[in-house]
Protein backbone atom coordinates (compact mmCIF):
# COMPACT_ATOMS: atom_id res chain seq x y z
CA MET A 1 -35.63 -26.93 -66.14
CA ALA A 2 -32.29 -28.73 -66.44
CA ASN A 3 -30.31 -29.69 -63.36
CA VAL A 4 -27.42 -27.29 -62.62
CA ILE A 5 -24.38 -29.52 -62.23
CA THR A 6 -21.25 -28.28 -60.61
CA PRO A 7 -18.60 -31.01 -60.78
CA ILE A 8 -16.35 -31.68 -57.82
CA THR A 9 -12.68 -31.51 -58.81
CA ARG A 10 -10.89 -31.93 -55.46
CA LEU A 11 -12.39 -33.63 -52.47
CA LEU A 12 -11.01 -33.21 -48.98
CA ILE A 13 -11.74 -36.17 -46.62
CA ALA A 14 -12.27 -34.87 -43.03
CA ASN A 15 -11.52 -38.25 -41.50
CA ARG A 16 -8.93 -40.98 -41.24
CA GLY A 17 -8.29 -44.70 -41.40
CA GLU A 18 -10.45 -47.12 -43.38
CA ILE A 19 -13.32 -44.79 -44.18
CA ALA A 20 -10.89 -42.23 -45.58
CA ARG A 21 -9.40 -44.92 -47.87
CA ARG A 22 -12.84 -46.03 -48.84
CA ILE A 23 -13.86 -42.60 -49.98
CA ILE A 24 -10.53 -42.00 -51.71
CA ARG A 25 -11.15 -45.14 -53.80
CA THR A 26 -14.51 -44.05 -55.19
CA ALA A 27 -13.33 -40.48 -55.68
CA HIS A 28 -10.33 -41.68 -57.80
CA ASP A 29 -12.59 -43.93 -59.72
CA MET A 30 -14.65 -40.89 -60.58
CA GLY A 31 -11.64 -38.91 -61.74
CA ILE A 32 -11.73 -36.64 -58.65
CA SER A 33 -8.52 -35.53 -56.85
CA THR A 34 -8.38 -36.18 -53.13
CA VAL A 35 -6.86 -34.38 -50.11
CA ALA A 36 -6.17 -36.08 -46.73
CA ILE A 37 -5.76 -34.36 -43.44
CA TYR A 38 -3.82 -36.01 -40.68
CA ALA A 39 -2.80 -35.99 -37.06
CA ASP A 40 0.91 -36.33 -36.15
CA GLY A 41 0.58 -40.05 -35.54
CA ASP A 42 -1.06 -40.63 -38.85
CA ALA A 43 1.62 -38.99 -41.02
CA GLN A 44 2.61 -42.29 -42.62
CA ALA A 45 -0.81 -43.93 -42.59
CA PRO A 46 -2.09 -45.56 -45.84
CA PHE A 47 -4.88 -43.06 -46.31
CA VAL A 48 -2.38 -40.20 -46.30
CA THR A 49 -0.11 -41.75 -48.82
CA GLU A 50 -2.98 -42.74 -51.13
CA ALA A 51 -4.48 -39.33 -51.33
CA ASP A 52 -3.28 -36.97 -54.09
CA SER A 53 -2.10 -34.44 -51.37
CA ALA A 54 -2.22 -34.18 -47.68
CA VAL A 55 -2.27 -31.44 -45.09
CA ALA A 56 -0.88 -31.81 -41.60
CA LEU A 57 -3.17 -30.72 -38.70
CA ASP A 58 -0.24 -30.21 -36.26
CA GLY A 59 -1.60 -32.05 -33.27
CA ARG A 60 -1.77 -35.49 -31.72
CA THR A 61 -5.26 -35.84 -30.10
CA THR A 62 -8.63 -36.00 -31.68
CA ALA A 63 -9.47 -32.61 -30.19
CA GLU A 64 -6.26 -31.00 -31.58
CA THR A 65 -6.90 -32.51 -35.13
CA TYR A 66 -9.99 -34.20 -36.59
CA LEU A 67 -12.40 -32.38 -34.27
CA ASP A 68 -10.91 -28.90 -34.76
CA VAL A 69 -13.31 -27.04 -37.13
CA ASP A 70 -11.01 -24.12 -37.79
CA LYS A 71 -7.97 -26.41 -38.62
CA VAL A 72 -10.10 -28.61 -40.95
CA LEU A 73 -11.48 -25.57 -42.79
CA ALA A 74 -7.97 -23.99 -43.01
CA ALA A 75 -6.66 -27.17 -44.51
CA CYS A 76 -9.51 -27.17 -47.05
CA ARG A 77 -8.74 -23.54 -48.14
CA ARG A 78 -5.03 -24.32 -48.23
CA SER A 79 -5.56 -27.39 -50.44
CA GLY A 80 -7.96 -25.74 -52.83
CA ALA A 81 -10.55 -28.48 -52.23
CA ASP A 82 -14.06 -27.54 -53.42
CA ALA A 83 -15.82 -30.32 -51.39
CA ILE A 84 -15.60 -32.03 -47.97
CA HIS A 85 -16.65 -35.59 -47.16
CA PRO A 86 -16.85 -36.07 -43.34
CA GLY A 87 -17.03 -39.86 -43.39
CA TYR A 88 -18.50 -41.11 -40.08
CA GLY A 89 -17.67 -40.05 -36.48
CA PHE A 90 -15.61 -36.94 -35.70
CA LEU A 91 -17.44 -33.91 -37.27
CA SER A 92 -19.78 -35.86 -39.56
CA GLU A 93 -22.87 -35.01 -37.48
CA ASN A 94 -21.70 -31.54 -36.37
CA GLU A 95 -24.33 -29.01 -37.41
CA GLY A 96 -21.93 -26.08 -36.87
CA PHE A 97 -19.28 -27.64 -39.02
CA ALA A 98 -21.62 -28.48 -41.91
CA GLN A 99 -22.89 -24.90 -41.78
CA ALA A 100 -19.33 -23.55 -41.70
CA VAL A 101 -18.41 -25.57 -44.76
CA ILE A 102 -21.33 -24.35 -46.68
CA ASP A 103 -20.82 -20.80 -45.66
CA ALA A 104 -17.23 -21.09 -46.95
CA GLY A 105 -18.65 -21.90 -50.37
CA ILE A 106 -17.48 -25.58 -50.13
CA LYS A 107 -19.72 -28.44 -51.09
CA TRP A 108 -20.85 -30.45 -48.07
CA LEU A 109 -21.29 -34.28 -48.80
CA GLY A 110 -24.14 -34.91 -46.34
CA PRO A 111 -27.61 -33.76 -45.35
CA THR A 112 -28.31 -30.12 -44.55
CA PRO A 113 -27.17 -28.67 -41.33
CA GLU A 114 -30.80 -28.20 -40.28
CA VAL A 115 -31.45 -32.03 -40.59
CA ILE A 116 -28.19 -32.84 -38.72
CA GLY A 117 -29.36 -30.47 -35.91
CA LEU A 118 -32.85 -31.95 -35.71
CA MET A 119 -31.62 -35.61 -35.69
CA GLY A 120 -28.79 -34.87 -33.23
CA ASP A 121 -31.33 -34.24 -30.59
CA LYS A 122 -33.16 -37.55 -30.02
CA LEU A 123 -36.14 -35.85 -28.34
CA SER A 124 -36.78 -33.54 -31.29
CA ALA A 125 -36.23 -36.47 -33.60
CA LYS A 126 -38.85 -38.56 -31.78
CA ARG A 127 -41.38 -35.60 -31.99
CA LEU A 128 -40.87 -35.20 -35.75
CA MET A 129 -41.20 -38.92 -36.43
CA ASP A 130 -44.41 -39.09 -34.39
CA GLU A 131 -45.70 -36.32 -36.56
CA ALA A 132 -44.68 -38.24 -39.72
CA GLY A 133 -46.55 -41.31 -38.58
CA VAL A 134 -43.39 -43.32 -37.84
CA PRO A 135 -43.98 -45.63 -34.84
CA ILE A 136 -42.15 -44.43 -31.64
CA LEU A 137 -41.65 -45.83 -28.20
CA PRO A 138 -43.33 -44.01 -25.29
CA GLY A 139 -40.86 -41.42 -23.83
CA ILE A 140 -40.86 -38.56 -21.34
CA GLU A 141 -38.17 -35.80 -21.11
CA ILE A 142 -36.64 -35.30 -17.64
CA SER A 143 -36.45 -31.63 -16.60
CA ALA A 144 -35.89 -30.06 -13.26
CA ASP A 145 -39.50 -30.31 -12.21
CA THR A 146 -40.27 -33.73 -13.69
CA ASP A 147 -41.53 -36.37 -11.20
CA ILE A 148 -39.35 -39.17 -12.43
CA THR A 149 -41.02 -41.82 -10.30
CA ALA A 150 -44.43 -41.03 -11.78
CA ALA A 151 -42.90 -40.72 -15.24
CA ALA A 152 -41.33 -44.20 -15.06
CA LYS A 153 -44.59 -45.66 -13.68
CA GLU A 154 -46.48 -44.15 -16.65
CA ILE A 155 -44.15 -45.69 -19.11
CA GLY A 156 -43.90 -48.95 -17.29
CA TYR A 157 -40.76 -50.88 -16.17
CA PRO A 158 -38.24 -51.61 -17.44
CA VAL A 159 -37.35 -48.13 -18.62
CA LEU A 160 -34.28 -46.74 -20.38
CA VAL A 161 -32.64 -43.57 -19.20
CA LYS A 162 -31.17 -42.06 -22.39
CA ALA A 163 -29.08 -39.05 -23.39
CA SER A 164 -30.86 -36.82 -25.88
CA ALA A 165 -27.50 -35.84 -27.46
CA GLY A 166 -24.77 -38.15 -28.70
CA GLY A 167 -24.72 -41.97 -28.93
CA GLY A 168 -22.41 -44.99 -28.64
CA GLY A 169 -24.20 -46.15 -25.44
CA ARG A 170 -22.96 -43.16 -23.40
CA GLY A 171 -25.50 -41.59 -21.14
CA MET A 172 -27.68 -44.82 -21.17
CA ARG A 173 -28.95 -46.84 -18.21
CA VAL A 174 -31.52 -49.64 -18.12
CA VAL A 175 -33.68 -49.53 -14.91
CA GLU A 176 -35.59 -52.56 -13.79
CA GLN A 177 -37.09 -51.15 -10.60
CA GLU A 178 -38.01 -47.91 -8.90
CA ALA A 179 -35.24 -48.21 -6.22
CA ASP A 180 -32.57 -47.88 -9.00
CA LEU A 181 -34.16 -44.87 -10.83
CA GLN A 182 -32.75 -41.86 -9.19
CA ALA A 183 -29.15 -43.05 -9.28
CA ALA A 184 -29.53 -44.15 -12.92
CA VAL A 185 -30.83 -40.72 -13.88
CA GLU A 186 -28.07 -38.87 -12.12
CA GLY A 187 -25.38 -41.09 -13.54
CA ALA A 188 -26.75 -40.81 -17.08
CA LYS A 189 -26.93 -36.96 -16.71
CA ARG A 190 -23.23 -36.81 -15.57
CA GLU A 191 -22.03 -39.10 -18.37
CA ALA A 192 -24.11 -37.21 -21.00
CA GLY A 193 -22.80 -33.84 -19.80
CA SER A 194 -19.10 -34.89 -19.87
CA SER A 195 -19.52 -36.83 -23.23
CA PHE A 196 -21.63 -34.41 -25.24
CA GLY A 197 -21.75 -31.19 -23.31
CA ASP A 198 -25.47 -31.59 -22.84
CA ASP A 199 -26.94 -33.48 -19.81
CA THR A 200 -30.50 -33.67 -21.10
CA VAL A 201 -31.86 -37.14 -20.65
CA PHE A 202 -35.24 -38.83 -21.02
CA LEU A 203 -37.01 -41.91 -20.13
CA GLU A 204 -38.09 -44.38 -22.81
CA LYS A 205 -39.79 -47.76 -22.71
CA TRP A 206 -37.22 -50.50 -22.73
CA LEU A 207 -37.78 -53.54 -24.90
CA ALA A 208 -36.10 -56.41 -23.12
CA VAL A 209 -36.14 -58.49 -26.33
CA SER A 210 -35.62 -56.61 -29.56
CA ARG A 211 -33.45 -56.50 -32.68
CA HIS A 212 -31.54 -53.52 -33.99
CA VAL A 213 -32.65 -53.17 -37.64
CA GLU A 214 -31.87 -50.18 -39.82
CA ILE A 215 -32.87 -48.92 -43.27
CA GLN A 216 -30.36 -47.24 -45.58
CA ILE A 217 -31.87 -44.13 -47.26
CA LEU A 218 -30.59 -41.97 -50.08
CA GLY A 219 -32.03 -38.69 -51.36
CA ASP A 220 -31.05 -35.99 -53.77
CA THR A 221 -31.77 -32.25 -53.81
CA HIS A 222 -34.51 -32.72 -56.34
CA GLY A 223 -36.90 -34.48 -54.07
CA ASN A 224 -36.07 -38.07 -55.03
CA LEU A 225 -35.80 -40.65 -52.22
CA VAL A 226 -35.10 -44.42 -52.05
CA HIS A 227 -34.45 -46.84 -49.31
CA CYS A 228 -31.85 -49.54 -49.89
CA TYR A 229 -33.43 -52.24 -47.66
CA GLU A 230 -32.42 -53.15 -44.16
CA ARG A 231 -29.33 -54.13 -42.20
CA GLU A 232 -29.38 -56.28 -38.98
CA CYS A 233 -27.01 -54.88 -36.37
CA SER A 234 -28.06 -56.66 -33.31
CA ILE A 235 -24.74 -58.30 -32.44
CA GLN A 236 -23.12 -55.61 -30.25
CA ARG A 237 -20.83 -55.15 -27.28
CA ARG A 238 -21.05 -52.22 -25.00
CA HIS A 239 -23.65 -50.81 -27.49
CA GLN A 240 -21.11 -50.92 -30.32
CA LYS A 241 -21.86 -53.04 -33.40
CA ILE A 242 -19.55 -55.87 -34.14
CA ILE A 243 -21.26 -58.06 -36.84
CA GLU A 244 -23.76 -56.65 -39.33
CA GLU A 245 -25.68 -58.33 -42.10
CA ALA A 246 -28.01 -57.56 -44.91
CA PRO A 247 -30.85 -58.40 -45.29
CA SER A 248 -32.10 -59.22 -41.76
CA PRO A 249 -33.00 -62.88 -41.13
CA ALA A 250 -35.88 -61.60 -38.87
CA VAL A 251 -37.52 -59.27 -41.43
CA THR A 252 -40.26 -60.74 -43.55
CA ASP A 253 -41.38 -59.18 -46.86
CA ALA A 254 -44.37 -57.60 -45.06
CA ILE A 255 -42.20 -56.10 -42.31
CA ARG A 256 -39.65 -54.91 -44.92
CA ALA A 257 -42.36 -53.08 -46.93
CA ARG A 258 -43.71 -51.33 -43.75
CA MET A 259 -40.28 -50.48 -42.43
CA GLY A 260 -39.25 -49.17 -45.79
CA ASP A 261 -42.28 -47.00 -45.98
CA ALA A 262 -41.66 -45.73 -42.55
CA ALA A 263 -38.02 -44.81 -43.44
CA ILE A 264 -39.16 -42.86 -46.56
CA ALA A 265 -41.87 -41.17 -44.55
CA ALA A 266 -39.13 -40.10 -42.06
CA ALA A 267 -36.89 -38.93 -44.88
CA LYS A 268 -39.72 -36.89 -46.44
CA LYS A 269 -40.53 -35.25 -43.24
CA LEU A 270 -36.94 -34.04 -43.03
CA GLY A 271 -36.47 -33.20 -46.65
CA TYR A 272 -33.51 -35.57 -46.55
CA SER A 273 -30.66 -35.54 -49.16
CA SER A 274 -27.39 -37.60 -49.35
CA ALA A 275 -26.89 -40.88 -47.53
CA GLY A 276 -28.43 -41.67 -44.08
CA THR A 277 -29.86 -44.36 -41.93
CA VAL A 278 -33.14 -44.67 -40.12
CA GLU A 279 -32.69 -46.98 -37.18
CA PHE A 280 -35.45 -49.15 -35.60
CA LEU A 281 -35.97 -51.59 -32.81
CA LEU A 282 -37.80 -54.65 -34.05
CA SER A 283 -39.84 -56.73 -31.49
CA GLY A 284 -41.87 -59.53 -33.05
CA ASP A 285 -43.74 -57.96 -36.05
CA ASP A 286 -43.69 -54.45 -34.48
CA PHE A 287 -40.99 -51.89 -34.94
CA TYR A 288 -40.19 -48.51 -33.32
CA PHE A 289 -38.13 -45.56 -34.42
CA LEU A 290 -34.70 -45.32 -32.63
CA GLU A 291 -32.77 -42.53 -34.45
CA VAL A 292 -31.59 -41.16 -37.74
CA ASN A 293 -27.86 -41.29 -38.45
CA ALA A 294 -27.39 -38.24 -40.67
CA ARG A 295 -24.26 -39.63 -42.39
CA LEU A 296 -22.70 -42.63 -44.05
CA GLN A 297 -22.62 -45.60 -41.70
CA VAL A 298 -19.68 -47.87 -40.88
CA GLU A 299 -21.68 -50.92 -42.14
CA HIS A 300 -22.65 -49.35 -45.52
CA PRO A 301 -20.59 -51.93 -47.50
CA ILE A 302 -23.10 -54.85 -46.87
CA THR A 303 -25.91 -52.68 -48.40
CA GLU A 304 -23.55 -51.99 -51.40
CA GLU A 305 -23.06 -55.74 -51.74
CA ILE A 306 -26.74 -56.67 -51.86
CA ILE A 307 -27.89 -53.92 -54.15
CA GLY A 308 -24.79 -53.58 -56.32
CA LYS A 309 -24.50 -49.77 -55.94
CA ASP A 310 -21.71 -47.50 -54.65
CA LEU A 311 -23.16 -45.28 -51.89
CA VAL A 312 -20.27 -42.90 -51.88
CA ARG A 313 -20.57 -42.33 -55.57
CA GLU A 314 -24.20 -41.34 -54.96
CA GLN A 315 -23.21 -38.90 -52.22
CA ILE A 316 -20.75 -37.26 -54.68
CA ARG A 317 -23.29 -37.08 -57.40
CA VAL A 318 -25.89 -35.54 -55.12
CA ALA A 319 -23.44 -32.89 -53.94
CA GLU A 320 -22.68 -32.06 -57.52
CA GLY A 321 -26.43 -31.50 -58.15
CA GLU A 322 -27.18 -34.73 -59.95
CA THR A 323 -30.32 -36.83 -59.39
CA LEU A 324 -29.98 -40.26 -57.92
CA SER A 325 -28.71 -42.67 -60.55
CA PHE A 326 -31.42 -45.12 -59.82
CA THR A 327 -35.02 -45.32 -58.59
CA GLN A 328 -36.75 -47.69 -55.98
CA GLU A 329 -37.99 -49.86 -58.88
CA ASP A 330 -34.35 -50.46 -60.00
CA LEU A 331 -33.39 -51.86 -56.51
CA SER A 332 -33.65 -55.42 -55.40
CA ILE A 333 -31.96 -57.70 -52.86
CA ASN A 334 -29.20 -59.97 -54.32
CA GLY A 335 -28.04 -62.64 -52.01
CA HIS A 336 -26.71 -61.99 -48.45
CA ALA A 337 -23.86 -59.99 -47.03
CA ILE A 338 -22.13 -60.07 -43.67
CA GLU A 339 -19.49 -57.64 -42.21
CA ALA A 340 -17.19 -58.27 -39.31
CA ARG A 341 -15.36 -55.38 -37.68
CA LEU A 342 -11.66 -56.12 -36.73
CA TYR A 343 -10.47 -54.33 -33.68
CA ALA A 344 -6.92 -53.87 -32.27
CA GLU A 345 -7.91 -55.20 -28.79
CA ASP A 346 -6.61 -57.67 -26.23
CA PRO A 347 -9.10 -60.33 -25.36
CA ALA A 348 -6.95 -61.34 -22.28
CA LYS A 349 -7.57 -57.84 -20.92
CA GLY A 350 -11.25 -57.51 -21.36
CA PHE A 351 -10.92 -56.41 -25.01
CA LEU A 352 -9.16 -53.15 -24.06
CA PRO A 353 -7.53 -51.29 -27.04
CA SER A 354 -4.09 -52.81 -27.80
CA PRO A 355 -1.84 -50.02 -29.40
CA GLY A 356 1.42 -50.67 -31.11
CA PRO A 357 2.82 -51.53 -34.56
CA VAL A 358 1.06 -53.84 -36.96
CA LEU A 359 3.88 -56.41 -37.50
CA ALA A 360 2.04 -58.22 -40.38
CA TRP A 361 -1.12 -57.43 -42.30
CA THR A 362 -2.07 -60.00 -45.10
CA PRO A 363 -5.75 -60.03 -45.94
CA SER A 364 -7.06 -63.47 -46.73
CA THR A 365 -7.42 -64.31 -50.35
CA VAL A 366 -10.14 -66.97 -49.86
CA GLY A 367 -13.90 -66.38 -50.03
CA LYS A 368 -13.61 -63.35 -52.28
CA ALA A 369 -13.83 -61.13 -49.17
CA ARG A 370 -13.82 -57.34 -49.36
CA PHE A 371 -11.39 -55.80 -46.88
CA ASP A 372 -11.95 -52.11 -46.03
CA SER A 373 -8.85 -51.51 -43.90
CA GLY A 374 -7.05 -48.59 -42.48
CA VAL A 375 -3.76 -50.33 -41.91
CA GLU A 376 -0.86 -52.05 -43.66
CA THR A 377 2.14 -53.90 -42.36
CA GLY A 378 4.23 -51.43 -40.42
CA SER A 379 1.21 -49.17 -39.49
CA GLU A 380 1.01 -47.90 -35.99
CA ILE A 381 -2.16 -48.37 -33.79
CA SER A 382 -2.52 -45.27 -31.61
CA THR A 383 -4.20 -44.89 -28.33
CA GLN A 384 -5.67 -41.60 -29.57
CA PHE A 385 -8.26 -43.10 -31.87
CA ASP A 386 -10.96 -45.86 -32.18
CA PRO A 387 -9.28 -49.31 -32.19
CA MET A 388 -11.31 -50.57 -35.29
CA ILE A 389 -8.61 -51.12 -37.94
CA ALA A 390 -10.62 -52.93 -40.67
CA LYS A 391 -13.94 -54.50 -41.86
CA VAL A 392 -14.25 -57.79 -43.49
CA ILE A 393 -17.29 -58.05 -45.83
CA VAL A 394 -18.47 -61.23 -47.65
CA HIS A 395 -21.31 -61.67 -50.04
CA ALA A 396 -22.87 -64.97 -51.09
CA ALA A 397 -26.12 -66.30 -52.58
CA THR A 398 -27.44 -67.39 -49.12
CA ARG A 399 -27.06 -66.43 -45.51
CA ARG A 400 -25.59 -69.82 -44.63
CA GLU A 401 -23.03 -69.55 -47.32
CA ALA A 402 -22.15 -66.07 -46.43
CA ALA A 403 -21.56 -67.05 -42.74
CA GLY A 404 -19.43 -70.04 -43.72
CA ARG A 405 -17.38 -67.87 -46.11
CA LEU A 406 -16.85 -65.24 -43.42
CA ALA A 407 -15.70 -67.88 -40.94
CA ARG A 408 -13.18 -69.22 -43.38
CA VAL A 409 -11.87 -65.80 -44.32
CA LEU A 410 -11.34 -64.92 -40.55
CA GLU A 411 -9.66 -68.24 -39.91
CA THR A 412 -7.10 -67.77 -42.71
């Protein structure tokens, strides 16, 4: 039976900044009209002017704009868009939003709402991955009647207190000794409750020495799945990634094969479609499931560079009902790619966000770097949103060359 293809003609991007521009670029290349939505402070932002049309959300804060499901859906209806791409952050992993989009008869460029819900709860995700045969770290949910002292002893110190919902390092505490356990649990619960509206936390074995390695996955609605190799994301600050590279210098061919198989097993268990990432902690030759990000990742460009494929294009094709345009056998690693995130921050003030106008923006022309940016000269950096303003991506034949090229690009 032939695939039923329903082409997307007008795509609304439920996001802002560099990822909105990134999605617009591919959509335009595919002949698809684009719609931007924007907060008051973003009215003159590059992503708004580059879209074919734009709808004001009439608000300044995140809650008043990009997180307002009703406003986003109203903008979609008003614009006549037949599909929504959520980018990353904001509503991209909101199960209710994804379901509301689908219920409105609009194509959703992401995994199913059911998958988003399962992966949004880290405890349910761990249980599913255990069933799928994916290695997991020992963990125990903390409820009102849990003996946390006994639970921590069972797991073995050091332990990590971790929020079941959300991410970004919020609701997380590393505990080295029993004396600090109660305060850490209470603090993590408070932070998780205020950040995510869910104060469920659990204890997990803490690996003092590990690497953060993730596998990019892609699936279509016809049961086809591929993994696009790994990315190394261990260089972080306050649990936020800063430098990412692909492939990982710590991953051997044997580990890569096992980790790729585990990512595919996870995706099959979920019935995954669209783009996503299966994250692991790597310790020596062993790795353990961390979480699934049911969306496109900030660092997806380095994967695109080493496999020579456009991941946003695949997301669009999948939403239209197409099969993936390549198989696992078609993929191989070509060279090495590194990405650096550029933030509007003040190093003299502990890297606090530094709002204000961008007086000059001139991306370097050396090193053949790819700049995915959300700003131009004259753009305004707001206190309302994340201070990341651009990503610099370089690709070279070897890791050493890529690192040297990135350093030169950042210097100039």
